[in-house]
Structure formats: C-alpha cells, structure tokens
C-alpha cells in the first residue's frame, strides 16, 4: 500500500509532536509522509491561488515556508531518508484534512492546536476527523514517549472489525504485544458488584460473562490466525467501560478503538467511549472508521 501517512500541522507544540509520530508511522509502513498545512478561508489549492489581501507578501511567505518547512526538517531528522512532501492549502483546516484523508493510509494530528481555547481538552480538528475522516486517525496525546503494548478496545460490533484488524497490524509492525480488552457489565455504563442489586435478580451474571468471553474469543480468532507473530493477551474486564480503558491506557504505547460500538445511538458518528479516549487517554489514540 503506497498511500501516504498525512499529518496536519499548525505551528503548535502539539502539531510538531504529531509530526514526530507521523514520521515513525510512515517509516513502519514504508510509505511517504505528507505534511498538510491549511490556513485562511475557503480558497483553492496552492500554487496558482490568488491570496486575499491580508494573506499577501511576507505573511503569506511565512505561512508557506515557515511551519511546513520546520515540520519537514523535523520529520527528516526523525527518520533519515524518509520521503516527505508538503501540501500547503488556503482553506478551512477541517475541510482540507478531511479531503486529504481520502488518499491516506493514516491521518495524524495533535491533541490541541493553536486555535483551541485553553479550556478545551481536545481540538475541534481531531474530533471532526475522528467522526468524518476517510482513514484511521491518530491523535497524539498523553505521556511523552509511551512504551508498552498496543491496547485494543474490543466491542464485538461489526463496525469495530476494522479497529481489530488495524490493531493487529500495528502490533505486528511495531513488534510488540497486543492487549485486546473487552469491558463488560450488566448495564452499558454501570458495573453492578452489589449482590443485592435488583439487576442481579433478572440477569444471570455468570451466563452473561460466558457470553462476553465467547464474543471476545470469536472476535480475535481470525486475526490471531492471520497474525501468528503477534503475542496476544485477551482481557475480559467487568467494570465501567470508559474508566477501565482509560486506566489501561496508562500502560500502553497506543490505544486503538472503533468510532462507535454496540452501545452507540443510531446515527452517531463518534461514540462516548472513543470520545473519552480522545479526551483523556494517557497515550496516543487511533480511531478507526474505515473508508466512507
């Protein structure tokens, strides 16, 4: 697959951290890296575009040569010999990156850009791309230089199959174990550990646990066969889904999740679990939706 890894840059520290991660991902895949820098309003792709008056002269030169040039230098220093191209576009960053994602194997962005308010935990670009992008999205966040296995959030849904395949491939590329975690409970958001809870009267917890174990095993089986080189630890955890996965992210180098699992409302493009990971995980997060 020759589709490049793309990375959105805006000159922020978070954006440059994304460049480092994107360069490594391109190296692992053996594909080029394309640096995307969008600015201004809804204009045509450069070169050939006539800049608006406020974007002419030195300011335009700085935008074209400054941030993208620094990002390219950083990527080449990180991965010597990497094929790197730049795409400088006058347009809305959300629209530009969504379009660019159509021809990419992976899109990478930082967790907070220059346009995010200080009170926001995640930039709007990342949320939008996770919900609307045409390729998997990596959001670089959490502790610096994370180590450990790849963490996969298994939900057993048909939509989540793409995330499972991506996580196995990523663990194989990195040569690290995969921890496939399926979190379950008798309700979607509450773990009922009180033996007097009325839900225990109507729910056979033991039978439900066996069913969840079967779901986990069935989900992983074809991917284990396809990737015998990947060491897999299958974890069945009875807990609150979001808190369990967030806790597990503290020992992972990467967490992979689908965009929306079984519990999402019909029509939702981004579920509560993936949003929680994007906002609070302690390592980079990949949201996988497949192509649309």
C-alpha atoms as a PDB file:
ATOM      1  CA  UNK A   1       0.000   0.000   0.000  1.00  0.00           C
ATOM      2  CA  UNK A   2       1.574   3.248  -1.173  1.00  0.00           C
ATOM      3  CA  UNK A   3      -0.948   5.631   0.341  1.00  0.00           C
ATOM      4  CA  UNK A   4       0.972   8.116   2.491  1.00  0.00           C
ATOM      5  CA  UNK A   5       0.627   8.965   6.129  1.00  0.00           C
ATOM      6  CA  UNK A   6      -0.601  12.557   6.392  1.00  0.00           C
ATOM      7  CA  UNK A   7      -0.045  14.896   9.311  1.00  0.00           C
ATOM      8  CA  UNK A   8      -1.782  18.207   9.958  1.00  0.00           C
ATOM      9  CA  UNK A   9       0.494  20.955  11.249  1.00  0.00           C
ATOM     10  CA  UNK A  10      -0.338  24.432  12.526  1.00  0.00           C
ATOM     11  CA  UNK A  11       2.862  25.513  14.269  1.00  0.00           C
ATOM     12  CA  UNK A  12       1.751  24.411  17.744  1.00  0.00           C
ATOM     13  CA  UNK A  13       3.899  22.174  20.000  1.00  0.00           C
ATOM     14  CA  UNK A  14       1.153  19.571  19.763  1.00  0.00           C
ATOM     15  CA  UNK A  15       1.293  19.728  15.977  1.00  0.00           C
ATOM     16  CA  UNK A  16       5.052  19.213  15.894  1.00  0.00           C
ATOM     17  CA  UNK A  17       4.706  16.247  18.264  1.00  0.00           C
ATOM     18  CA  UNK A  18       2.282  14.834  15.706  1.00  0.00           C
ATOM     19  CA  UNK A  19       4.971  15.213  13.028  1.00  0.00           C
ATOM     20  CA  UNK A  20       7.334  13.016  15.053  1.00  0.00           C
ATOM     21  CA  UNK A  21       4.673  10.336  15.461  1.00  0.00           C
ATOM     22  CA  UNK A  22       3.616  10.529  11.816  1.00  0.00           C
ATOM     23  CA  UNK A  23       7.201  10.152  10.605  1.00  0.00           C
ATOM     24  CA  UNK A  24       7.560   6.976  12.674  1.00  0.00           C
ATOM     25  CA  UNK A  25       4.265   5.621  11.346  1.00  0.00           C
ATOM     26  CA  UNK A  26       5.358   6.304   7.756  1.00  0.00           C
ATOM     27  CA  UNK A  27       8.669   4.532   8.433  1.00  0.00           C
ATOM     28  CA  UNK A  28       6.910   1.489   9.877  1.00  0.00           C
ATOM     29  CA  UNK A  29       4.621   1.251   6.842  1.00  0.00           C
ATOM     30  CA  UNK A  30       7.290   2.032   4.264  1.00  0.00           C
ATOM     31  CA  UNK A  31       5.181   4.827   2.754  1.00  0.00           C
ATOM     32  CA  UNK A  32       5.771   8.563   2.211  1.00  0.00           C
ATOM     33  CA  UNK A  33       4.817  11.249   4.700  1.00  0.00           C
ATOM     34  CA  UNK A  34       2.721  14.175   3.503  1.00  0.00           C
ATOM     35  CA  UNK A  35       2.694  17.308   5.644  1.00  0.00           C
ATOM     36  CA  UNK A  36      -0.552  19.280   5.352  1.00  0.00           C
ATOM     37  CA  UNK A  37      -0.733  22.919   6.393  1.00  0.00           C
ATOM     38  CA  UNK A  38      -4.061  24.702   5.939  1.00  0.00           C
ATOM     39  CA  UNK A  39      -4.724  28.355   6.587  1.00  0.00           C
ATOM     40  CA  UNK A  40      -7.153  31.136   5.816  1.00  0.00           C
ATOM     41  CA  UNK A  41     -10.587  30.756   4.267  1.00  0.00           C
ATOM     42  CA  UNK A  42     -12.175  28.743   1.525  1.00  0.00           C
ATOM     43  CA  UNK A  43      -9.644  29.207  -1.253  1.00  0.00           C
ATOM     44  CA  UNK A  44      -8.163  26.976  -3.918  1.00  0.00           C
ATOM     45  CA  UNK A  45      -5.097  24.790  -3.534  1.00  0.00           C
ATOM     46  CA  UNK A  46      -1.708  26.462  -3.957  1.00  0.00           C
ATOM     47  CA  UNK A  47       0.172  27.132  -6.143  1.00  0.00           C
ATOM     48  CA  UNK A  48      -1.957  29.161  -8.532  1.00  0.00           C
ATOM     49  CA  UNK A  49      -4.296  30.582  -5.924  1.00  0.00           C
ATOM     50  CA  UNK A  50      -4.526  34.336  -5.629  1.00  0.00           C
ATOM     51  CA  UNK A  51      -4.142  35.124  -1.929  1.00  0.00           C
ATOM     52  CA  UNK A  52      -6.542  37.538  -0.282  1.00  0.00           C
ATOM     53  CA  UNK A  53      -5.008  40.937   0.548  1.00  0.00           C
ATOM     54  CA  UNK A  54      -4.489  40.113   4.225  1.00  0.00           C
ATOM     55  CA  UNK A  55      -2.514  36.978   3.238  1.00  0.00           C
ATOM     56  CA  UNK A  56      -0.169  38.595   0.732  1.00  0.00           C
ATOM     57  CA  UNK A  57       3.525  39.438   0.907  1.00  0.00           C
ATOM     58  CA  UNK A  58       5.664  38.459   3.871  1.00  0.00           C
ATOM     59  CA  UNK A  59       2.836  36.922   5.869  1.00  0.00           C
ATOM     60  CA  UNK A  60       1.967  34.516   3.068  1.00  0.00           C
ATOM     61  CA  UNK A  61       5.652  33.656   2.575  1.00  0.00           C
ATOM     62  CA  UNK A  62       5.950  32.881   6.262  1.00  0.00           C
ATOM     63  CA  UNK A  63       2.950  30.578   6.165  1.00  0.00           C
ATOM     64  CA  UNK A  64       4.154  28.755   3.070  1.00  0.00           C
ATOM     65  CA  UNK A  65       7.803  28.432   4.085  1.00  0.00           C
ATOM     66  CA  UNK A  66       7.762  28.652   7.878  1.00  0.00           C
ATOM     67  CA  UNK A  67       5.665  25.998   9.609  1.00  0.00           C
ATOM     68  CA  UNK A  68       5.720  23.407   6.775  1.00  0.00           C
ATOM     69  CA  UNK A  69       9.480  23.808   6.315  1.00  0.00           C
ATOM     70  CA  UNK A  70      10.128  23.350  10.020  1.00  0.00           C
ATOM     71  CA  UNK A  71       7.848  20.322  10.067  1.00  0.00           C
ATOM     72  CA  UNK A  72       9.646  18.769   7.083  1.00  0.00           C
ATOM     73  CA  UNK A  73      13.044  19.313   8.657  1.00  0.00           C
ATOM     74  CA  UNK A  74      11.816  17.748  11.867  1.00  0.00           C
ATOM     75  CA  UNK A  75      10.461  14.692  10.039  1.00  0.00           C
ATOM     76  CA  UNK A  76      13.683  14.181   8.077  1.00  0.00           C
ATOM     77  CA  UNK A  77      15.761  14.425  11.241  1.00  0.00           C
ATOM     78  CA  UNK A  78      13.471  11.959  12.970  1.00  0.00           C
ATOM     79  CA  UNK A  79      13.570   9.436  10.114  1.00  0.00           C
ATOM     80  CA  UNK A  80      16.543   9.997   7.779  1.00  0.00           C
ATOM     81  CA  UNK A  81      15.785   9.012   4.204  1.00  0.00           C
ATOM     82  CA  UNK A  82      12.019   9.298   4.605  1.00  0.00           C
ATOM     83  CA  UNK A  83      10.157  10.548   1.539  1.00  0.00           C
ATOM     84  CA  UNK A  84       8.422  13.750   2.607  1.00  0.00           C
ATOM     85  CA  UNK A  85       6.143  16.051   0.643  1.00  0.00           C
ATOM     86  CA  UNK A  86       4.284  19.194   1.662  1.00  0.00           C
ATOM     87  CA  UNK A  87       0.764  20.335   0.864  1.00  0.00           C
ATOM     88  CA  UNK A  88       0.050  23.989   1.677  1.00  0.00           C
ATOM     89  CA  UNK A  89      -3.603  24.861   1.235  1.00  0.00           C
ATOM     90  CA  UNK A  90      -5.640  28.003   1.691  1.00  0.00           C
ATOM     91  CA  UNK A  91      -8.877  26.726   3.193  1.00  0.00           C
ATOM     92  CA  UNK A  92     -10.644  25.565   6.316  1.00  0.00           C
ATOM     93  CA  UNK A  93      -8.357  23.058   8.112  1.00  0.00           C
ATOM     94  CA  UNK A  94     -11.254  20.716   8.886  1.00  0.00           C
ATOM     95  CA  UNK A  95     -12.316  20.520   5.254  1.00  0.00           C
ATOM     96  CA  UNK A  96      -8.773  20.309   3.926  1.00  0.00           C
ATOM     97  CA  UNK A  97      -7.734  17.429   6.189  1.00  0.00           C
ATOM     98  CA  UNK A  98     -10.981  15.568   5.573  1.00  0.00           C
ATOM     99  CA  UNK A  99     -10.360  15.749   1.819  1.00  0.00           C
ATOM    100  CA  UNK A 100      -6.687  14.779   2.229  1.00  0.00           C
ATOM    101  CA  UNK A 101      -7.698  11.736   4.288  1.00  0.00           C
ATOM    102  CA  UNK A 102      -9.361  10.200   1.226  1.00  0.00           C
ATOM    103  CA  UNK A 103      -5.971   9.289  -0.205  1.00  0.00           C
ATOM    104  CA  UNK A 104      -4.114   8.449   3.033  1.00  0.00           C
ATOM    105  CA  UNK A 105      -3.401   5.258   4.958  1.00  0.00           C
ATOM    106  CA  UNK A 106      -3.389   7.157   8.269  1.00  0.00           C
ATOM    107  CA  UNK A 107      -4.003  10.746   9.374  1.00  0.00           C
ATOM    108  CA  UNK A 108      -2.138  12.135  12.391  1.00  0.00           C
ATOM    109  CA  UNK A 109      -2.919  15.289  14.367  1.00  0.00           C
ATOM    110  CA  UNK A 110      -2.028  16.743  17.739  1.00  0.00           C
ATOM    111  CA  UNK A 111      -4.466  16.845  20.622  1.00  0.00           C
ATOM    112  CA  UNK A 112      -4.627  20.628  20.752  1.00  0.00           C
ATOM    113  CA  UNK A 113      -3.892  23.212  18.084  1.00  0.00           C
ATOM    114  CA  UNK A 114      -3.298  26.944  18.091  1.00  0.00           C
ATOM    115  CA  UNK A 115      -6.986  27.690  17.623  1.00  0.00           C
ATOM    116  CA  UNK A 116      -8.206  25.728  20.644  1.00  0.00           C
ATOM    117  CA  UNK A 117      -9.421  27.619  23.693  1.00  0.00           C
ATOM    118  CA  UNK A 118      -7.347  26.917  26.799  1.00  0.00           C
ATOM    119  CA  UNK A 119     -10.324  25.281  28.478  1.00  0.00           C
ATOM    120  CA  UNK A 120     -10.751  22.677  25.735  1.00  0.00           C
ATOM    121  CA  UNK A 121      -9.155  19.272  26.210  1.00  0.00           C
ATOM    122  CA  UNK A 122      -9.159  18.393  22.528  1.00  0.00           C
ATOM    123  CA  UNK A 123      -9.009  20.492  19.397  1.00  0.00           C
ATOM    124  CA  UNK A 124     -12.031  20.561  17.108  1.00  0.00           C
ATOM    125  CA  UNK A 125      -9.921  19.275  14.205  1.00  0.00           C
ATOM    126  CA  UNK A 126      -9.262  15.960  15.944  1.00  0.00           C
ATOM    127  CA  UNK A 127     -12.900  15.425  16.926  1.00  0.00           C
ATOM    128  CA  UNK A 128     -14.134  16.266  13.437  1.00  0.00           C
ATOM    129  CA  UNK A 129     -11.651  13.953  11.697  1.00  0.00           C
ATOM    130  CA  UNK A 130     -12.415  11.082  14.064  1.00  0.00           C
ATOM    131  CA  UNK A 131     -16.075  11.362  13.102  1.00  0.00           C
ATOM    132  CA  UNK A 132     -15.792  12.289   9.412  1.00  0.00           C
ATOM    133  CA  UNK A 133     -12.350  11.276   8.126  1.00  0.00           C
ATOM    134  CA  UNK A 134     -11.881   8.651   5.413  1.00  0.00           C
ATOM    135  CA  UNK A 135      -8.954   6.804   7.005  1.00  0.00           C
ATOM    136  CA  UNK A 136      -7.878   5.882  10.552  1.00  0.00           C
ATOM    137  CA  UNK A 137      -6.990   8.876  12.692  1.00  0.00           C
ATOM    138  CA  UNK A 138      -4.181   9.008  15.239  1.00  0.00           C
ATOM    139  CA  UNK A 139      -4.382  11.733  17.877  1.00  0.00           C
ATOM    140  CA  UNK A 140      -1.048  12.247  19.638  1.00  0.00           C
ATOM    141  CA  UNK A 141      -1.666  12.844  23.322  1.00  0.00           C
ATOM    142  CA  UNK A 142      -0.806  11.575  26.790  1.00  0.00           C
ATOM    143  CA  UNK A 143       2.584  10.932  28.305  1.00  0.00           C
ATOM    144  CA  UNK A 144       5.722  11.568  26.214  1.00  0.00           C
ATOM    145  CA  UNK A 145       7.431   8.592  24.527  1.00  0.00           C
ATOM    146  CA  UNK A 146       4.916   5.982  25.729  1.00  0.00           C
ATOM    147  CA  UNK A 147       6.006   2.343  25.868  1.00  0.00           C
ATOM    148  CA  UNK A 148       4.171  -0.919  26.343  1.00  0.00           C
ATOM    149  CA  UNK A 149       1.794  -2.986  24.225  1.00  0.00           C
ATOM    150  CA  UNK A 150      -0.823  -1.860  21.757  1.00  0.00           C
ATOM    151  CA  UNK A 151      -4.161  -1.704  23.587  1.00  0.00           C
ATOM    152  CA  UNK A 152      -7.244  -2.693  21.600  1.00  0.00           C
ATOM    153  CA  UNK A 153     -10.736  -1.824  22.804  1.00  0.00           C
ATOM    154  CA  UNK A 154     -12.887  -4.761  21.674  1.00  0.00           C
ATOM    155  CA  UNK A 155     -16.643  -4.199  21.494  1.00  0.00           C
ATOM    156  CA  UNK A 156     -17.632  -7.119  19.283  1.00  0.00           C
ATOM    157  CA  UNK A 157     -19.527  -4.936  16.836  1.00  0.00           C
ATOM    158  CA  UNK A 158     -19.394  -5.330  13.080  1.00  0.00           C
ATOM    159  CA  UNK A 159     -18.228  -1.726  12.796  1.00  0.00           C
ATOM    160  CA  UNK A 160     -15.387  -2.467  15.216  1.00  0.00           C
ATOM    161  CA  UNK A 161     -13.848  -5.138  12.955  1.00  0.00           C
ATOM    162  CA  UNK A 162     -11.743  -2.530  11.171  1.00  0.00           C
ATOM    163  CA  UNK A 163     -10.255  -1.433  14.503  1.00  0.00           C
ATOM    164  CA  UNK A 164      -9.351  -5.034  15.385  1.00  0.00           C
ATOM    165  CA  UNK A 165      -7.591  -5.527  12.049  1.00  0.00           C
ATOM    166  CA  UNK A 166      -5.743  -2.223  12.429  1.00  0.00           C
ATOM    167  CA  UNK A 167      -4.571  -3.047  15.969  1.00  0.00           C
ATOM    168  CA  UNK A 168      -3.174  -6.454  14.956  1.00  0.00           C
ATOM    169  CA  UNK A 169      -1.348  -4.893  12.008  1.00  0.00           C
ATOM    170  CA  UNK A 170       0.019  -2.106  14.203  1.00  0.00           C
ATOM    171  CA  UNK A 171       1.297  -4.539  16.843  1.00  0.00           C
ATOM    172  CA  UNK A 172       2.934  -6.578  14.087  1.00  0.00           C
ATOM    173  CA  UNK A 173       4.614  -3.527  12.573  1.00  0.00           C
ATOM    174  CA  UNK A 174       5.941  -2.430  15.950  1.00  0.00           C
ATOM    175  CA  UNK A 175       6.927  -5.906  17.099  1.00  0.00           C
ATOM    176  CA  UNK A 176       5.076  -5.519  20.410  1.00  0.00           C
ATOM    177  CA  UNK A 177       2.312  -7.483  22.147  1.00  0.00           C
ATOM    178  CA  UNK A 178      -1.352  -6.719  21.723  1.00  0.00           C
ATOM    179  CA  UNK A 179      -3.645  -6.459  24.733  1.00  0.00           C
ATOM    180  CA  UNK A 180      -7.195  -6.983  23.475  1.00  0.00           C
ATOM    181  CA  UNK A 181      -9.568  -5.753  26.169  1.00  0.00           C
ATOM    182  CA  UNK A 182     -13.312  -6.310  26.238  1.00  0.00           C
ATOM    183  CA  UNK A 183     -15.002  -4.456  29.086  1.00  0.00           C
ATOM    184  CA  UNK A 184     -18.454  -5.635  30.042  1.00  0.00           C
ATOM    185  CA  UNK A 185     -21.097  -5.039  32.675  1.00  0.00           C
ATOM    186  CA  UNK A 186     -24.779  -5.680  33.198  1.00  0.00           C
ATOM    187  CA  UNK A 187     -25.544  -2.156  32.096  1.00  0.00           C
ATOM    188  CA  UNK A 188     -23.800  -0.054  29.497  1.00  0.00           C
ATOM    189  CA  UNK A 189     -22.262   2.361  31.989  1.00  0.00           C
ATOM    190  CA  UNK A 190     -22.501   0.794  35.471  1.00  0.00           C
ATOM    191  CA  UNK A 191     -20.753  -2.203  36.943  1.00  0.00           C
ATOM    192  CA  UNK A 192     -23.085  -3.875  39.410  1.00  0.00           C
ATOM    193  CA  UNK A 193     -20.982  -5.522  42.083  1.00  0.00           C
ATOM    194  CA  UNK A 194     -23.547  -5.362  44.859  1.00  0.00           C
ATOM    195  CA  UNK A 195     -25.118  -8.831  45.327  1.00  0.00           C
ATOM    196  CA  UNK A 196     -28.318  -7.095  46.485  1.00  0.00           C
ATOM    197  CA  UNK A 197     -28.634  -5.048  43.299  1.00  0.00           C
ATOM    198  CA  UNK A 198     -32.063  -5.757  41.748  1.00  0.00           C
ATOM    199  CA  UNK A 199     -30.454  -6.268  38.334  1.00  0.00           C
ATOM    200  CA  UNK A 200     -28.931  -9.489  39.642  1.00  0.00           C
ATOM    201  CA  UNK A 201     -32.440 -10.878  40.017  1.00  0.00           C
ATOM    202  CA  UNK A 202     -33.150 -10.588  36.295  1.00  0.00           C
ATOM    203  CA  UNK A 203     -29.627 -11.053  34.899  1.00  0.00           C
ATOM    204  CA  UNK A 204     -27.708 -14.322  35.022  1.00  0.00           C
ATOM    205  CA  UNK A 205     -24.297 -12.741  35.549  1.00  0.00           C
ATOM    206  CA  UNK A 206     -22.361 -15.959  35.101  1.00  0.00           C
ATOM    207  CA  UNK A 207     -24.059 -16.745  31.827  1.00  0.00           C
ATOM    208  CA  UNK A 208     -23.554 -13.178  30.642  1.00  0.00           C
ATOM    209  CA  UNK A 209     -19.848 -13.383  31.446  1.00  0.00           C
ATOM    210  CA  UNK A 210     -19.514 -16.593  29.440  1.00  0.00           C
ATOM    211  CA  UNK A 211     -21.248 -14.934  26.521  1.00  0.00           C
ATOM    212  CA  UNK A 212     -18.882 -11.958  26.675  1.00  0.00           C
ATOM    213  CA  UNK A 213     -15.872 -14.287  26.776  1.00  0.00           C
ATOM    214  CA  UNK A 214     -17.216 -16.062  23.713  1.00  0.00           C
ATOM    215  CA  UNK A 215     -17.668 -12.739  21.959  1.00  0.00           C
ATOM    216  CA  UNK A 216     -14.065 -11.767  22.699  1.00  0.00           C
ATOM    217  CA  UNK A 217     -12.666 -15.116  21.555  1.00  0.00           C
ATOM    218  CA  UNK A 218     -14.749 -15.108  18.381  1.00  0.00           C
ATOM    219  CA  UNK A 219     -13.683 -11.549  17.519  1.00  0.00           C
ATOM    220  CA  UNK A 220      -9.980 -12.297  17.917  1.00  0.00           C
ATOM    221  CA  UNK A 221      -9.806 -15.774  16.353  1.00  0.00           C
ATOM    222  CA  UNK A 222      -9.449 -14.875  12.636  1.00  0.00           C
ATOM    223  CA  UNK A 223      -6.944 -12.132  13.393  1.00  0.00           C
ATOM    224  CA  UNK A 224      -4.837 -14.417  15.578  1.00  0.00           C
ATOM    225  CA  UNK A 225      -4.686 -16.824  12.638  1.00  0.00           C
ATOM    226  CA  UNK A 226      -3.737 -14.042  10.223  1.00  0.00           C
ATOM    227  CA  UNK A 227      -1.031 -12.697  12.557  1.00  0.00           C
ATOM    228  CA  UNK A 228       0.590 -15.632  14.353  1.00  0.00           C
ATOM    229  CA  UNK A 229       3.622 -13.435  15.010  1.00  0.00           C
ATOM    230  CA  UNK A 230       1.640 -11.168  17.349  1.00  0.00           C
ATOM    231  CA  UNK A 231       1.617 -12.070  21.026  1.00  0.00           C
ATOM    232  CA  UNK A 232      -1.968 -11.538  22.178  1.00  0.00           C
ATOM    233  CA  UNK A 233      -3.313 -11.151  25.690  1.00  0.00           C
ATOM    234  CA  UNK A 234      -7.104 -11.292  25.758  1.00  0.00           C
ATOM    235  CA  UNK A 235      -8.571  -9.498  28.768  1.00  0.00           C
ATOM    236  CA  UNK A 236     -12.196  -9.742  29.842  1.00  0.00           C
ATOM    237  CA  UNK A 237     -12.840  -6.981  32.374  1.00  0.00           C
ATOM    238  CA  UNK A 238     -16.033  -6.366  34.302  1.00  0.00           C
ATOM    239  CA  UNK A 239     -16.075  -2.649  35.002  1.00  0.00           C
ATOM    240  CA  UNK A 240     -17.206   0.701  33.726  1.00  0.00           C
ATOM    241  CA  UNK A 241     -16.112   0.748  30.119  1.00  0.00           C
ATOM    242  CA  UNK A 242     -14.593   4.193  29.820  1.00  0.00           C
ATOM    243  CA  UNK A 243     -12.777   4.205  33.159  1.00  0.00           C
ATOM    244  CA  UNK A 244     -11.320   0.726  32.574  1.00  0.00           C
ATOM    245  CA  UNK A 245      -9.917   1.650  29.172  1.00  0.00           C
ATOM    246  CA  UNK A 246      -8.577   4.981  30.393  1.00  0.00           C
ATOM    247  CA  UNK A 247      -6.783   3.237  33.258  1.00  0.00           C
ATOM    248  CA  UNK A 248      -5.328   0.677  30.850  1.00  0.00           C
ATOM    249  CA  UNK A 249      -4.041   3.429  28.539  1.00  0.00           C
ATOM    250  CA  UNK A 250      -1.525   4.368  31.230  1.00  0.00           C
ATOM    251  CA  UNK A 251       0.458   1.213  30.449  1.00  0.00           C
ATOM    252  CA  UNK A 252       0.082   1.223  26.654  1.00  0.00           C
ATOM    253  CA  UNK A 253       2.021   2.850  23.849  1.00  0.00           C
ATOM    254  CA  UNK A 254      -1.104   3.169  21.713  1.00  0.00           C
ATOM    255  CA  UNK A 255      -4.821   2.525  22.124  1.00  0.00           C
ATOM    256  CA  UNK A 256      -6.985   1.541  19.153  1.00  0.00           C
ATOM    257  CA  UNK A 257     -10.752   1.865  19.162  1.00  0.00           C
ATOM    258  CA  UNK A 258     -13.647   1.873  16.743  1.00  0.00           C
ATOM    259  CA  UNK A 259     -15.588   5.054  16.206  1.00  0.00           C
ATOM    260  CA  UNK A 260     -18.849   3.724  17.607  1.00  0.00           C
ATOM    261  CA  UNK A 261     -19.569   0.415  19.344  1.00  0.00           C
ATOM    262  CA  UNK A 262     -22.703  -1.570  20.119  1.00  0.00           C
ATOM    263  CA  UNK A 263     -23.949   0.935  22.668  1.00  0.00           C
ATOM    264  CA  UNK A 264     -23.940   3.977  20.383  1.00  0.00           C
ATOM    265  CA  UNK A 265     -27.156   5.664  19.367  1.00  0.00           C
ATOM    266  CA  UNK A 266     -28.221   5.062  15.785  1.00  0.00           C
ATOM    267  CA  UNK A 267     -26.717   7.718  13.537  1.00  0.00           C
ATOM    268  CA  UNK A 268     -23.960   8.678  15.973  1.00  0.00           C
ATOM    269  CA  UNK A 269     -20.644   9.049  14.162  1.00  0.00           C
ATOM    270  CA  UNK A 270     -18.498   9.057  17.295  1.00  0.00           C
ATOM    271  CA  UNK A 271     -19.382   7.101  20.415  1.00  0.00           C
ATOM    272  CA  UNK A 272     -18.873   8.036  24.048  1.00  0.00           C
ATOM    273  CA  UNK A 273     -16.016   5.546  24.578  1.00  0.00           C
ATOM    274  CA  UNK A 274     -13.955   6.811  21.653  1.00  0.00           C
ATOM    275  CA  UNK A 275     -14.613  10.410  22.706  1.00  0.00           C
ATOM    276  CA  UNK A 276     -13.493   9.654  26.270  1.00  0.00           C
ATOM    277  CA  UNK A 277     -10.265   8.117  24.986  1.00  0.00           C
ATOM    278  CA  UNK A 278      -9.618  11.051  22.665  1.00  0.00           C
ATOM    279  CA  UNK A 279     -10.029  13.480  25.558  1.00  0.00           C
ATOM    280  CA  UNK A 280      -8.377  11.645  28.429  1.00  0.00           C
ATOM    281  CA  UNK A 281      -6.168   8.704  27.357  1.00  0.00           C
ATOM    282  CA  UNK A 282      -2.589   8.685  28.599  1.00  0.00           C
ATOM    283  CA  UNK A 283      -1.133   7.628  25.239  1.00  0.00           C
ATOM    284  CA  UNK A 284      -1.850   8.239  21.547  1.00  0.00           C
ATOM    285  CA  UNK A 285      -5.275   7.112  20.343  1.00  0.00           C
ATOM    286  CA  UNK A 286      -6.269   5.720  16.947  1.00  0.00           C
ATOM    287  CA  UNK A 287      -9.933   5.858  15.961  1.00  0.00           C
ATOM    288  CA  UNK A 288     -10.751   3.543  13.069  1.00  0.00           C
ATOM    289  CA  UNK A 289     -13.862   4.046  10.954  1.00  0.00           C
ATOM    290  CA  UNK A 290     -12.715   2.551   7.679  1.00  0.00           C
ATOM    291  CA  UNK A 291     -13.460   4.253   4.380  1.00  0.00           C
ATOM    292  CA  UNK A 292     -16.723   6.095   3.708  1.00  0.00           C
END
